[in-house]
Protein backbone atom coordinates (compact mmCIF):
# COMPACT_ATOMS: atom_id res chain seq x y z
CA MET A 1 113.06 102.79 124.92
CA THR A 2 113.19 106.27 123.35
CA LEU A 3 111.93 106.27 119.77
CA LEU A 4 112.68 109.35 117.66
CA ALA A 5 109.91 109.95 115.10
CA LEU A 6 110.57 112.34 112.21
CA ASP A 7 107.70 113.57 110.02
CA ILE A 8 109.36 115.72 107.35
CA GLY A 9 107.00 117.81 105.23
CA ASN A 10 107.43 120.39 102.52
CA SER A 11 107.11 123.46 104.74
CA GLN A 12 107.20 122.16 108.31
CA SER A 13 108.59 119.09 110.04
CA VAL A 14 107.38 117.53 113.26
CA ILE A 15 109.76 115.68 115.58
CA GLY A 16 108.37 113.43 118.29
CA ALA A 17 109.82 111.33 121.09
CA PHE A 18 108.08 108.17 122.31
CA GLU A 19 108.72 106.22 125.48
CA GLY A 20 107.06 102.92 124.69
CA ASP A 21 103.60 103.70 123.29
CA LYS A 22 103.44 107.18 124.81
CA LEU A 23 104.28 110.35 122.89
CA VAL A 24 106.09 112.24 125.62
CA GLU A 25 107.23 115.32 123.68
CA HIS A 26 106.97 116.88 120.23
CA TRP A 27 108.50 119.83 118.38
CA THR A 28 107.81 121.63 115.08
CA VAL A 29 110.57 123.11 112.92
CA SER A 30 110.83 124.55 109.43
CA SER A 31 111.76 122.15 106.64
CA GLU A 32 114.99 123.89 105.72
CA THR A 33 116.38 122.28 102.58
CA ARG A 34 119.91 123.59 103.23
CA ARG A 35 120.15 121.93 106.64
CA THR A 36 122.91 119.32 106.68
CA ALA A 37 122.89 115.82 108.16
CA ASP A 38 124.87 116.98 111.18
CA GLU A 39 122.53 119.94 111.72
CA TRP A 40 119.49 117.67 111.64
CA HIS A 41 121.16 115.44 114.22
CA LEU A 42 122.10 118.36 116.45
CA LEU A 43 118.55 119.68 116.24
CA ALA A 44 116.87 116.37 117.10
CA GLN A 45 119.36 115.41 119.79
CA GLY A 46 119.07 118.85 121.37
CA PHE A 47 115.30 118.51 121.62
CA VAL A 48 115.56 115.05 123.14
CA ARG A 49 118.07 116.11 125.76
CA SER A 50 116.25 119.37 126.58
CA ALA A 51 113.20 117.24 127.44
CA GLY A 52 115.27 115.18 129.87
CA LEU A 53 114.87 112.01 127.85
CA ARG A 54 117.47 109.30 127.54
CA ASP A 55 119.45 108.82 124.36
CA VAL A 56 117.64 107.81 121.19
CA GLU A 57 117.41 104.03 120.83
CA ALA A 58 115.38 103.77 117.60
CA VAL A 59 114.30 106.03 114.74
CA ALA A 60 111.23 106.03 112.46
CA MET A 61 110.96 108.54 109.64
CA CYS A 62 108.81 109.59 106.71
CA CYS A 63 109.88 112.34 104.32
CA THR A 64 108.21 113.97 101.32
CA VAL A 65 111.18 116.15 100.31
CA PRO A 66 113.86 114.22 98.35
CA SER A 67 116.67 116.73 99.00
CA ILE A 68 116.06 116.59 102.75
CA GLN A 69 115.76 112.81 102.72
CA VAL A 70 119.30 112.57 101.33
CA GLU A 71 120.64 114.47 104.35
CA LEU A 72 118.46 112.54 106.79
CA ARG A 73 119.69 109.20 105.46
CA ALA A 74 123.24 110.48 105.89
CA MET A 75 122.35 111.47 109.44
CA LEU A 76 121.00 107.98 110.15
CA ASP A 77 124.11 106.33 108.71
CA ARG A 78 126.50 108.56 110.64
CA HIS A 79 124.80 109.12 113.98
CA TYR A 80 122.34 106.24 114.44
CA ALA A 81 124.18 103.33 112.83
CA GLY A 82 123.34 100.04 114.52
CA LEU A 83 120.00 101.24 115.90
CA PRO A 84 116.61 99.98 114.67
CA VAL A 85 115.70 102.41 111.88
CA SER A 86 112.52 102.51 109.78
CA VAL A 87 112.33 104.85 106.77
CA VAL A 88 108.86 104.59 105.27
CA GLY A 89 109.10 103.49 101.65
CA PRO A 90 109.45 100.36 99.51
CA GLY A 91 110.48 97.36 101.59
CA VAL A 92 109.19 98.71 104.90
CA LYS A 93 106.24 96.83 106.37
CA THR A 94 103.14 98.88 107.18
CA GLY A 95 100.39 96.29 107.05
CA ILE A 96 98.29 98.58 104.82
CA PRO A 97 97.52 97.17 101.34
CA ILE A 98 97.75 100.03 98.83
CA HIS A 99 95.09 99.83 96.10
CA THR A 100 96.21 102.60 93.74
CA ASP A 101 97.48 102.61 90.17
CA ASN A 102 101.07 103.11 91.30
CA PRO A 103 101.64 102.40 95.02
CA ARG A 104 105.21 103.74 94.83
CA GLU A 105 104.01 107.27 94.12
CA VAL A 106 101.85 107.51 97.25
CA GLY A 107 103.48 109.86 99.74
CA ALA A 108 105.06 108.22 102.78
CA ASP A 109 103.13 110.50 105.13
CA ARG A 110 99.83 109.43 103.53
CA ILE A 111 100.62 105.76 104.09
CA VAL A 112 101.59 106.46 107.70
CA ASN A 113 98.37 108.40 108.30
CA ALA A 114 96.34 105.56 106.81
CA LEU A 115 98.06 103.06 109.08
CA ALA A 116 97.37 105.14 112.19
CA ALA A 117 93.75 105.71 111.17
CA ALA A 118 93.18 102.00 110.55
CA GLU A 119 94.81 101.03 113.85
CA LEU A 120 93.21 103.68 116.07
CA TYR A 121 89.80 104.20 114.45
CA GLY A 122 89.25 101.29 112.07
CA GLY A 123 87.95 101.44 108.53
CA PRO A 124 86.15 102.82 106.74
CA ALA A 125 87.91 106.08 107.50
CA ILE A 126 88.94 109.33 105.85
CA VAL A 127 91.99 111.30 106.97
CA VAL A 128 91.96 115.05 106.32
CA ASP A 129 95.53 116.32 106.64
CA MET A 130 95.72 120.13 106.51
CA ASN A 131 99.39 121.04 106.36
CA GLY A 132 101.23 124.07 105.07
CA THR A 133 101.37 122.96 101.45
CA ALA A 134 98.23 120.94 100.77
CA THR A 135 94.90 119.73 102.08
CA ILE A 136 95.09 115.97 101.63
CA PHE A 137 92.26 113.45 101.84
CA ASP A 138 93.10 109.76 102.26
CA VAL A 139 90.53 106.97 102.21
CA ILE A 140 90.65 103.57 103.95
CA ASP A 141 87.89 101.03 103.33
CA ASP A 142 86.27 98.62 105.79
CA GLY A 143 89.06 96.11 105.10
CA ASN A 144 91.70 98.67 106.14
CA ARG A 145 92.93 98.96 102.56
CA TYR A 146 94.25 102.27 101.28
CA LEU A 147 92.16 103.26 98.27
CA GLY A 148 93.61 106.67 97.36
CA GLY A 149 92.33 110.16 97.95
CA ALA A 150 92.48 113.77 96.81
CA ILE A 151 94.88 116.71 97.06
CA ALA A 152 93.84 120.38 97.20
CA PRO A 153 95.89 123.51 97.93
CA ALA A 154 96.54 124.37 101.55
CA VAL A 155 94.70 127.24 103.22
CA GLU A 156 97.92 129.19 103.82
CA LEU A 157 99.16 128.56 100.29
CA SER A 158 95.91 129.87 98.86
CA LEU A 159 96.10 133.01 101.00
CA GLU A 160 99.68 133.64 99.89
CA ALA A 161 98.75 133.21 96.21
CA LEU A 162 95.77 135.53 96.63
CA ALA A 163 97.95 138.23 98.17
CA ARG A 164 100.53 137.90 95.39
CA ARG A 165 98.07 138.00 92.49
CA GLY A 166 95.39 140.34 93.86
CA ALA A 167 96.27 143.98 93.11
CA GLN A 168 94.15 145.33 95.99
CA LEU A 169 94.66 142.41 98.37
CA ARG A 170 97.32 141.82 101.00
CA SER A 171 98.43 139.05 103.31
CA VAL A 172 96.01 138.46 106.16
CA GLU A 173 96.08 136.33 109.29
CA LEU A 174 94.31 133.00 109.07
CA ALA A 175 91.70 133.74 111.73
CA GLU A 176 87.95 133.47 112.13
CA PRO A 177 86.17 136.64 110.95
CA ARG A 178 83.16 138.15 112.72
CA GLY A 179 80.84 136.41 110.30
CA VAL A 180 80.60 134.73 106.93
CA ILE A 181 79.70 138.06 105.26
CA GLY A 182 82.90 140.09 105.55
CA LYS A 183 82.46 143.77 106.33
CA ASN A 184 85.92 144.72 105.01
CA THR A 185 88.57 143.26 102.73
CA VAL A 186 90.46 141.47 105.48
CA GLU A 187 87.32 139.81 106.83
CA ALA A 188 86.19 138.93 103.31
CA VAL A 189 89.47 137.10 102.65
CA GLN A 190 89.32 135.38 106.05
CA SER A 191 85.74 134.29 105.40
CA GLY A 192 86.69 132.80 102.06
CA ALA A 193 89.60 130.94 103.66
CA VAL A 194 87.89 129.65 106.80
CA TYR A 195 84.35 128.95 105.60
CA GLY A 196 85.40 128.19 102.04
CA PHE A 197 87.85 125.49 103.09
CA ALA A 198 85.39 124.13 105.67
CA GLY A 199 82.93 123.74 102.79
CA LEU A 200 85.65 122.08 100.72
CA VAL A 201 86.34 119.55 103.47
CA ASP A 202 82.67 118.74 104.08
CA GLY A 203 81.92 118.49 100.36
CA MET A 204 84.85 116.19 99.62
CA VAL A 205 84.10 113.97 102.62
CA GLU A 206 80.45 113.65 101.57
CA ARG A 207 81.43 112.64 98.03
CA MET A 208 84.03 110.15 99.27
CA ILE A 209 81.60 108.48 101.65
CA GLU A 210 79.13 108.19 98.76
CA ALA A 211 81.87 106.64 96.59
CA LEU A 212 82.62 104.14 99.35
CA GLY A 213 78.96 103.17 99.51
CA ALA A 214 79.18 103.43 103.29
CA ASP A 215 76.80 104.68 105.94
CA PRO A 216 78.10 108.12 107.01
CA ASP A 217 77.62 107.12 110.65
CA ASP A 218 80.08 104.26 110.15
CA VAL A 219 82.93 106.35 108.68
CA ALA A 220 85.58 107.87 110.94
CA VAL A 221 86.74 111.26 109.61
CA ILE A 222 89.98 112.30 111.28
CA ALA A 223 91.44 115.80 111.02
CA THR A 224 95.17 116.24 111.44
CA GLY A 225 97.89 118.68 110.38
CA SER A 226 99.23 121.92 111.78
CA TYR A 227 96.80 124.18 109.92
CA ALA A 228 93.58 122.35 110.76
CA GLU A 229 92.19 123.99 113.87
CA VAL A 230 90.60 127.25 112.68
CA VAL A 231 88.98 125.52 109.69
CA VAL A 232 87.98 122.29 111.41
CA ASP A 233 85.96 124.27 113.96
CA HIS A 234 83.51 124.95 111.14
CA CYS A 235 83.45 121.50 109.54
CA THR A 236 80.41 119.32 110.20
CA SER A 237 81.93 116.09 108.85
CA ILE A 238 84.91 115.69 111.22
CA THR A 239 84.43 113.02 113.88
CA SER A 240 87.90 113.14 115.52
CA ARG A 241 90.88 115.47 115.82
CA ASP A 242 94.30 113.91 116.10
CA PRO A 243 97.14 116.40 115.57
CA TRP A 244 99.81 113.73 116.14
CA LEU A 245 98.32 111.06 113.87
CA THR A 246 101.44 110.88 111.68
CA LEU A 247 103.78 110.50 114.65
CA THR A 248 101.60 107.68 115.97
CA GLY A 249 101.74 106.05 112.55
CA LEU A 250 105.54 106.21 112.62
CA ARG A 251 105.56 104.46 115.99
CA LEU A 252 103.34 101.74 114.52
CA VAL A 253 105.71 101.37 111.56
CA HIS A 254 108.57 100.88 114.00
CA ASP A 255 106.56 98.26 115.91
CA ARG A 256 105.82 96.33 112.73
CA ASN A 257 109.41 96.31 111.55
CA HIS A 258 111.25 95.95 114.87
CA ALA A 259 108.88 94.09 117.15
């Protein structure tokens, strides 16, 4: 069975294709808010067929952009009617109890990440999702319950804001500088981004583990997201890297709702 998994974020979207439990192909596209339902279908179907996969037989989706979700739901109704479809949200089974003040306001991608972390790594666990818009921390306790987390600006977003507001600064590539002490403006900005956000990650993880009252050796800390690599290389708290954690979580959502 070919399962189409759609992880729709604010700046980028990841499309994956599963054959059974195996992620056989994945693609990243921009989250274009003007893209219509038919265009989304053409895009996804084109990827599936270019990979030589059979036609889509089920769809699982999470979306954090309301205007895009409207078009994606129209796409599902028009092009995938009659197929098993799981759109993460109220009424969809995940198996993850959500212990927050208002469970409905927790982003669908955060719930999916928590599910994948609990299934693959077991609680207690912390997911660090570094995407184009935010650096998101999600916490699962030893009973695989979602407790909440924290949201900080994304590395790229911070660099863009710095370039816009700094009179003598400009946009720079997110890359590792020669050292933590920058010898020029570009390296100074890169140092602040790479080592500064690595310190943010390690500091937040340390505080969250303390709040859990857990032994640090017992807590899985999983890095995911398209902007994680250059920063994660300098984090001391990360125990696993799983760039396709959200796609795996979508497959698990499908399994729980269409066994």
